[in-house]
């Protein structure tokens, strides 16, 4: 892309800044106890403000509330809509313009939510979304590209703002050597690998142990509470002191889904992704393998193994026990 072509392209994509992705739209279901309970159970959140009406009645609120992080989930569309395709909007049009100009690589980079007001069962959550900003051209480790950010604003039935969510995506041109490899039919294509694990200050130790064939569970040194995923502070006593124990990887299926769409390179299908309740008491998200999808059910006993799932990745997988 020469200078003139880049200028024309940027005029086109920047024209999408401020465009509405969706108008203020009500969630199909009001905030309700069942969805809150499912959310809390899936992530192991035992905050009584969410699921204990008797406790909540004695609190300053006088009623239960929904976890703030559920804000985006209330308006999510169901599987049939996703599988059959969404109605075109400003965001999908913008993505298509990137694709048409060679920026077909896509990477979600970060999500930022802010919370301003709590909602309770019976409230209705509304969402509206715009394309908020598009960066100048960037040279990233993935390739030359642009970051664009959508801004979703959430409000209740009274019009009071509940919170916001910013979602940033990188659209990029893959490096020339990768593009060249795909252009030649005679070239040997590199087998895609799974998405690399994000290793930060607070969780690198967990992934390093996984590379060695072990699944460790973080434990508070002061109150002995186990926790997962890894984090710096105990949620029970706020201690910063911790050690870990090794899991026996015996557990049961707490919740699961069979992923169909979109098919992600590097993963084998059918793909069962499950929340596993480990015998030690913590929950772990992992794949269930070694059986047909129809055989998987909630409460199913499973036994895990840390296995090499591709050329670069060791992960715990669970088999029927």
Protein backbone atom coordinates (compact mmCIF):
# COMPACT_ATOMS: atom_id res chain seq x y z
CA UNK A 1 0.00 0.00 0.00
CA UNK A 2 1.62 3.27 -1.13
CA UNK A 3 1.21 6.64 0.58
CA UNK A 4 -1.80 7.71 -1.49
CA UNK A 5 -3.53 4.35 -1.06
CA UNK A 6 -2.90 4.49 2.69
CA UNK A 7 -4.35 8.01 2.90
CA UNK A 8 -7.49 6.94 1.01
CA UNK A 9 -7.83 3.82 3.15
CA UNK A 10 -7.45 5.76 6.39
CA UNK A 11 -10.05 8.32 5.29
CA UNK A 12 -12.41 5.39 4.75
CA UNK A 13 -11.87 3.64 8.08
CA UNK A 14 -11.78 6.87 10.13
CA UNK A 15 -15.20 7.76 8.71
CA UNK A 16 -16.56 4.95 10.91
CA UNK A 17 -15.52 6.66 14.16
CA UNK A 18 -18.67 7.67 16.00
CA UNK A 19 -20.96 5.45 13.94
CA UNK A 20 -23.60 3.54 15.83
CA UNK A 21 -23.14 -0.23 16.01
CA UNK A 22 -26.48 -0.76 17.71
CA UNK A 23 -29.11 1.59 19.16
CA UNK A 24 -30.21 1.45 22.79
CA UNK A 25 -31.76 -2.01 22.98
CA UNK A 26 -33.30 -3.88 25.90
CA UNK A 27 -32.03 -7.32 26.88
CA UNK A 28 -34.51 -10.09 26.04
CA UNK A 29 -34.71 -11.13 29.68
CA UNK A 30 -34.88 -9.02 32.80
CA UNK A 31 -32.19 -9.45 35.44
CA UNK A 32 -33.13 -12.70 37.19
CA UNK A 33 -32.03 -14.99 40.02
CA UNK A 34 -31.45 -18.04 37.81
CA UNK A 35 -28.85 -16.42 35.55
CA UNK A 36 -27.13 -14.82 38.53
CA UNK A 37 -26.94 -18.21 40.26
CA UNK A 38 -25.54 -19.91 37.15
CA UNK A 39 -22.88 -17.19 36.81
CA UNK A 40 -21.89 -17.37 40.49
CA UNK A 41 -21.72 -21.18 40.44
CA UNK A 42 -19.65 -21.27 37.26
CA UNK A 43 -16.95 -18.97 38.62
CA UNK A 44 -17.21 -20.06 42.25
CA UNK A 45 -18.29 -16.65 43.58
CA UNK A 46 -19.94 -17.10 46.98
CA UNK A 47 -20.75 -13.44 47.65
CA UNK A 48 -24.12 -13.56 49.48
CA UNK A 49 -25.08 -10.20 47.97
CA UNK A 50 -25.70 -12.10 44.73
CA UNK A 51 -27.49 -15.29 45.74
CA UNK A 52 -28.70 -15.10 49.36
CA UNK A 53 -32.00 -13.16 49.60
CA UNK A 54 -32.18 -13.50 53.40
CA UNK A 55 -28.67 -12.08 53.86
CA UNK A 56 -29.33 -9.36 51.29
CA UNK A 57 -32.57 -8.34 53.02
CA UNK A 58 -30.55 -7.44 56.12
CA UNK A 59 -27.94 -5.49 54.11
CA UNK A 60 -28.00 -1.77 53.34
CA UNK A 61 -29.38 -2.55 49.86
CA UNK A 62 -32.27 -4.65 51.17
CA UNK A 63 -32.16 -6.94 48.12
CA UNK A 64 -29.81 -9.08 46.05
CA UNK A 65 -27.82 -7.59 43.17
CA UNK A 66 -26.32 -8.95 39.97
CA UNK A 67 -22.51 -9.26 39.77
CA UNK A 68 -21.34 -6.10 37.99
CA UNK A 69 -19.22 -8.17 35.57
CA UNK A 70 -22.44 -9.73 34.21
CA UNK A 71 -23.34 -6.36 32.67
CA UNK A 72 -22.52 -7.40 29.09
CA UNK A 73 -24.02 -10.89 29.36
CA UNK A 74 -27.66 -9.81 29.77
CA UNK A 75 -27.99 -8.73 26.14
CA UNK A 76 -25.96 -11.51 24.48
CA UNK A 77 -27.56 -13.14 21.47
CA UNK A 78 -28.25 -16.88 21.39
CA UNK A 79 -26.43 -19.52 19.38
CA UNK A 80 -28.89 -19.64 16.43
CA UNK A 81 -28.32 -15.92 15.75
CA UNK A 82 -24.55 -16.30 15.87
CA UNK A 83 -24.52 -19.44 13.70
CA UNK A 84 -26.82 -17.95 11.04
CA UNK A 85 -25.02 -14.63 10.94
CA UNK A 86 -25.65 -11.27 12.50
CA UNK A 87 -27.40 -8.35 10.86
CA UNK A 88 -24.72 -6.12 9.24
CA UNK A 89 -23.79 -3.08 11.30
CA UNK A 90 -21.07 -0.42 11.45
CA UNK A 91 -18.64 -2.74 13.22
CA UNK A 92 -19.04 -5.62 10.76
CA UNK A 93 -18.75 -3.18 7.85
CA UNK A 94 -15.54 -1.74 9.31
CA UNK A 95 -14.08 -5.23 9.75
CA UNK A 96 -14.93 -6.03 6.13
CA UNK A 97 -13.14 -2.87 4.94
CA UNK A 98 -10.03 -3.99 6.83
CA UNK A 99 -10.28 -7.48 5.33
CA UNK A 100 -10.70 -6.16 1.79
CA UNK A 101 -7.45 -4.22 2.16
CA UNK A 102 -5.38 -7.13 3.46
CA UNK A 103 -5.80 -6.53 7.20
CA UNK A 104 -7.44 -9.92 7.70
CA UNK A 105 -5.63 -10.78 10.93
CA UNK A 106 -7.82 -10.22 14.00
CA UNK A 107 -6.76 -10.11 17.64
CA UNK A 108 -8.87 -9.00 20.59
CA UNK A 109 -6.38 -7.18 22.83
CA UNK A 110 -8.22 -5.98 25.92
CA UNK A 111 -11.57 -5.25 27.55
CA UNK A 112 -12.17 -2.48 30.08
CA UNK A 113 -15.40 -2.25 32.06
CA UNK A 114 -16.51 0.53 34.42
CA UNK A 115 -19.44 0.16 36.80
CA UNK A 116 -21.59 3.04 38.03
CA UNK A 117 -24.81 1.49 39.36
CA UNK A 118 -25.98 -1.90 40.60
CA UNK A 119 -28.94 -3.78 39.14
CA UNK A 120 -31.21 -6.28 40.87
CA UNK A 121 -33.66 -8.98 39.79
CA UNK A 122 -36.52 -7.35 37.92
CA UNK A 123 -34.42 -4.58 36.37
CA UNK A 124 -33.94 -4.44 32.59
CA UNK A 125 -30.51 -3.79 31.11
CA UNK A 126 -30.25 -1.73 27.91
CA UNK A 127 -27.16 -1.50 25.71
CA UNK A 128 -26.07 0.86 22.94
CA UNK A 129 -22.72 0.71 21.12
CA UNK A 130 -20.61 2.92 18.87
CA UNK A 131 -17.25 2.68 17.12
CA UNK A 132 -15.35 4.94 19.51
CA UNK A 133 -11.86 5.34 18.04
CA UNK A 134 -9.34 3.97 15.54
CA UNK A 135 -5.60 4.32 16.05
CA UNK A 136 -2.99 5.48 13.60
CA UNK A 137 -1.13 2.70 11.80
CA UNK A 138 0.97 0.64 14.24
CA UNK A 139 3.87 -1.79 13.80
CA UNK A 140 3.09 -4.65 16.18
CA UNK A 141 4.62 -8.06 16.83
CA UNK A 142 1.71 -9.54 14.86
CA UNK A 143 2.22 -7.25 11.87
CA UNK A 144 1.32 -3.79 10.57
CA UNK A 145 -2.19 -2.85 11.64
CA UNK A 146 -4.71 -0.60 13.35
CA UNK A 147 -6.45 -0.82 16.71
CA UNK A 148 -10.14 0.01 16.80
CA UNK A 149 -12.26 0.28 19.93
CA UNK A 150 -16.00 -0.06 20.45
CA UNK A 151 -17.75 1.60 23.38
CA UNK A 152 -20.85 -0.08 24.80
CA UNK A 153 -22.95 1.93 27.27
CA UNK A 154 -25.37 0.14 29.60
CA UNK A 155 -28.38 1.67 31.34
CA UNK A 156 -31.47 0.47 33.20
CA UNK A 157 -35.19 0.89 32.53
CA UNK A 158 -35.07 4.35 34.13
CA UNK A 159 -32.30 5.53 31.81
CA UNK A 160 -29.71 5.56 34.61
CA UNK A 161 -26.24 4.56 33.41
CA UNK A 162 -25.09 1.19 34.78
CA UNK A 163 -21.62 1.09 33.24
CA UNK A 164 -19.51 0.99 30.10
CA UNK A 165 -17.38 -1.53 28.26
CA UNK A 166 -14.52 -0.74 25.89
CA UNK A 167 -13.39 -3.58 23.64
CA UNK A 168 -10.20 -3.14 21.62
CA UNK A 169 -9.35 -5.17 18.51
CA UNK A 170 -6.20 -5.22 16.39
CA UNK A 171 -6.73 -5.70 12.63
CA UNK A 172 -3.38 -6.50 11.03
CA UNK A 173 -1.56 -7.80 7.97
CA UNK A 174 0.31 -10.98 8.92
CA UNK A 175 4.10 -10.82 8.41
CA UNK A 176 5.26 -11.16 4.82
CA UNK A 177 6.89 -14.55 5.36
CA UNK A 178 3.62 -15.99 6.68
CA UNK A 179 1.63 -14.48 3.82
CA UNK A 180 4.13 -15.85 1.30
CA UNK A 181 3.77 -19.31 2.77
CA UNK A 182 0.01 -19.25 2.19
CA UNK A 183 0.33 -17.94 -1.38
CA UNK A 184 2.29 -20.91 -2.70
CA UNK A 185 0.37 -24.14 -3.14
CA UNK A 186 3.68 -25.97 -3.14
CA UNK A 187 4.74 -24.57 0.23
CA UNK A 188 4.43 -26.72 3.34
CA UNK A 189 1.96 -24.97 5.62
CA UNK A 190 2.87 -24.70 9.27
CA UNK A 191 0.37 -26.51 11.48
CA UNK A 192 -1.48 -23.86 13.55
CA UNK A 193 -0.95 -24.00 17.28
CA UNK A 194 -3.35 -23.18 20.06
CA UNK A 195 -3.61 -19.62 21.32
CA UNK A 196 -0.58 -19.02 23.54
CA UNK A 197 -1.24 -18.70 27.26
CA UNK A 198 -0.90 -15.16 28.66
CA UNK A 199 1.88 -15.33 31.24
CA UNK A 200 2.01 -12.38 33.59
CA UNK A 201 3.54 -11.61 36.96
CA UNK A 202 0.77 -13.35 38.92
CA UNK A 203 0.25 -16.50 36.84
CA UNK A 204 3.54 -17.40 35.12
CA UNK A 205 4.37 -19.86 37.89
CA UNK A 206 1.13 -21.76 37.20
CA UNK A 207 1.82 -22.13 33.49
CA UNK A 208 5.46 -23.09 34.14
CA UNK A 209 4.22 -25.94 36.37
CA UNK A 210 1.77 -26.96 33.64
CA UNK A 211 4.70 -27.16 31.20
CA UNK A 212 6.22 -29.67 33.64
CA UNK A 213 3.07 -31.80 33.71
CA UNK A 214 1.59 -30.52 36.98
CA UNK A 215 -1.54 -28.54 37.88
CA UNK A 216 -1.00 -26.47 41.00
CA UNK A 217 -3.68 -24.81 43.11
CA UNK A 218 -2.78 -21.59 44.89
CA UNK A 219 -3.27 -21.68 48.67
CA UNK A 220 -3.36 -18.87 51.21
CA UNK A 221 -0.66 -19.43 53.80
CA UNK A 222 -2.65 -17.67 56.51
CA UNK A 223 -6.16 -19.17 56.23
CA UNK A 224 -5.36 -22.13 53.94
CA UNK A 225 -8.11 -21.20 51.44
CA UNK A 226 -7.52 -22.58 47.95
CA UNK A 227 -8.11 -20.32 44.96
CA UNK A 228 -8.02 -20.45 41.17
CA UNK A 229 -7.24 -18.71 38.87
CA UNK A 230 -4.04 -17.39 40.50
CA UNK A 231 -4.15 -13.92 41.97
CA UNK A 232 -2.01 -11.96 44.43
CA UNK A 233 -4.47 -11.61 47.34
CA UNK A 234 -6.66 -14.05 49.24
CA UNK A 235 -10.34 -13.27 48.78
CA UNK A 236 -11.15 -14.56 52.27
CA UNK A 237 -8.59 -12.89 54.54
CA UNK A 238 -6.79 -10.53 52.11
CA UNK A 239 -3.40 -12.06 52.88
CA UNK A 240 -0.69 -11.63 50.25
CA UNK A 241 1.17 -14.73 51.45
CA UNK A 242 0.60 -17.94 49.50
CA UNK A 243 1.97 -21.30 48.44
CA UNK A 244 0.42 -24.08 46.36
CA UNK A 245 -0.60 -27.74 46.35
CA UNK A 246 -0.64 -30.15 43.42
CA UNK A 247 -4.06 -31.27 42.22
CA UNK A 248 -4.84 -34.95 41.76
CA UNK A 249 -7.02 -33.81 38.81
CA UNK A 250 -9.98 -35.91 39.91
CA UNK A 251 -13.26 -34.06 39.58
CA UNK A 252 -16.64 -33.75 37.93
CA UNK A 253 -18.22 -31.69 35.17
CA UNK A 254 -19.90 -28.64 36.69
CA UNK A 255 -20.90 -27.04 33.39
CA UNK A 256 -19.97 -27.50 29.73
CA UNK A 257 -20.57 -26.38 26.16
CA UNK A 258 -19.77 -27.85 22.76
CA UNK A 259 -18.11 -25.19 20.60
CA UNK A 260 -19.18 -25.16 16.94
CA UNK A 261 -18.57 -21.68 15.56
CA UNK A 262 -16.25 -20.14 14.67
CA UNK A 263 -13.72 -22.98 14.27
CA UNK A 264 -10.41 -21.74 15.66
CA UNK A 265 -7.19 -23.03 14.01
CA UNK A 266 -5.15 -25.30 16.25
CA UNK A 267 -8.12 -26.89 18.03
CA UNK A 268 -9.61 -30.31 17.34
CA UNK A 269 -13.36 -30.60 16.80
CA UNK A 270 -15.76 -31.63 18.26
CA UNK A 271 -14.53 -29.40 21.10
CA UNK A 272 -16.03 -29.70 24.57
CA UNK A 273 -15.11 -26.88 26.93
CA UNK A 274 -16.10 -27.51 30.53
CA UNK A 275 -15.91 -26.09 34.01
CA UNK A 276 -14.41 -28.91 36.09
CA UNK A 277 -14.98 -28.97 39.86
CA UNK A 278 -11.78 -30.48 41.21
CA UNK A 279 -11.76 -32.76 44.21
CA UNK A 280 -9.74 -30.17 46.09
CA UNK A 281 -12.66 -27.73 45.78
CA UNK A 282 -11.61 -25.23 43.11
CA UNK A 283 -12.92 -24.97 39.54
CA UNK A 284 -10.87 -25.21 36.35
CA UNK A 285 -11.84 -24.56 32.72
CA UNK A 286 -10.55 -27.33 30.43
CA UNK A 287 -11.46 -29.61 27.54
CA UNK A 288 -13.21 -32.96 28.01
CA UNK A 289 -11.81 -35.57 25.59
CA UNK A 290 -11.83 -39.32 25.10
CA UNK A 291 -15.58 -39.63 24.57
CA UNK A 292 -18.37 -38.53 22.24
CA UNK A 293 -19.90 -35.11 23.01
CA UNK A 294 -23.26 -36.79 23.68
CA UNK A 295 -21.72 -38.71 26.59
CA UNK A 296 -20.74 -35.57 28.51
CA UNK A 297 -23.18 -34.50 31.23
CA UNK A 298 -23.25 -32.34 34.33
CA UNK A 299 -22.01 -34.35 37.31
CA UNK A 300 -19.94 -36.66 35.10
CA UNK A 301 -16.84 -37.95 36.98
CA UNK A 302 -13.62 -37.12 35.14
CA UNK A 303 -9.88 -37.65 35.57
CA UNK A 304 -7.40 -35.17 34.22
CA UNK A 305 -4.00 -35.53 32.57
CA UNK A 306 -1.55 -32.82 31.61
CA UNK A 307 -0.83 -33.55 27.95
CA UNK A 308 0.94 -31.97 25.00
CA UNK A 309 -1.92 -30.72 22.83
CA UNK A 310 0.26 -29.27 20.07
CA UNK A 311 3.91 -28.65 19.27
CA UNK A 312 4.24 -25.88 21.87
CA UNK A 313 1.50 -26.35 24.46
CA UNK A 314 0.94 -28.49 27.57
CA UNK A 315 -2.59 -28.37 29.00
CA UNK A 316 -4.74 -30.35 31.43
CA UNK A 317 -7.41 -32.39 29.64
CA UNK A 318 -10.10 -34.47 31.29
CA UNK A 319 -11.27 -37.98 30.42
CA UNK A 320 -14.33 -39.89 31.65
CA UNK A 321 -13.34 -41.51 34.95
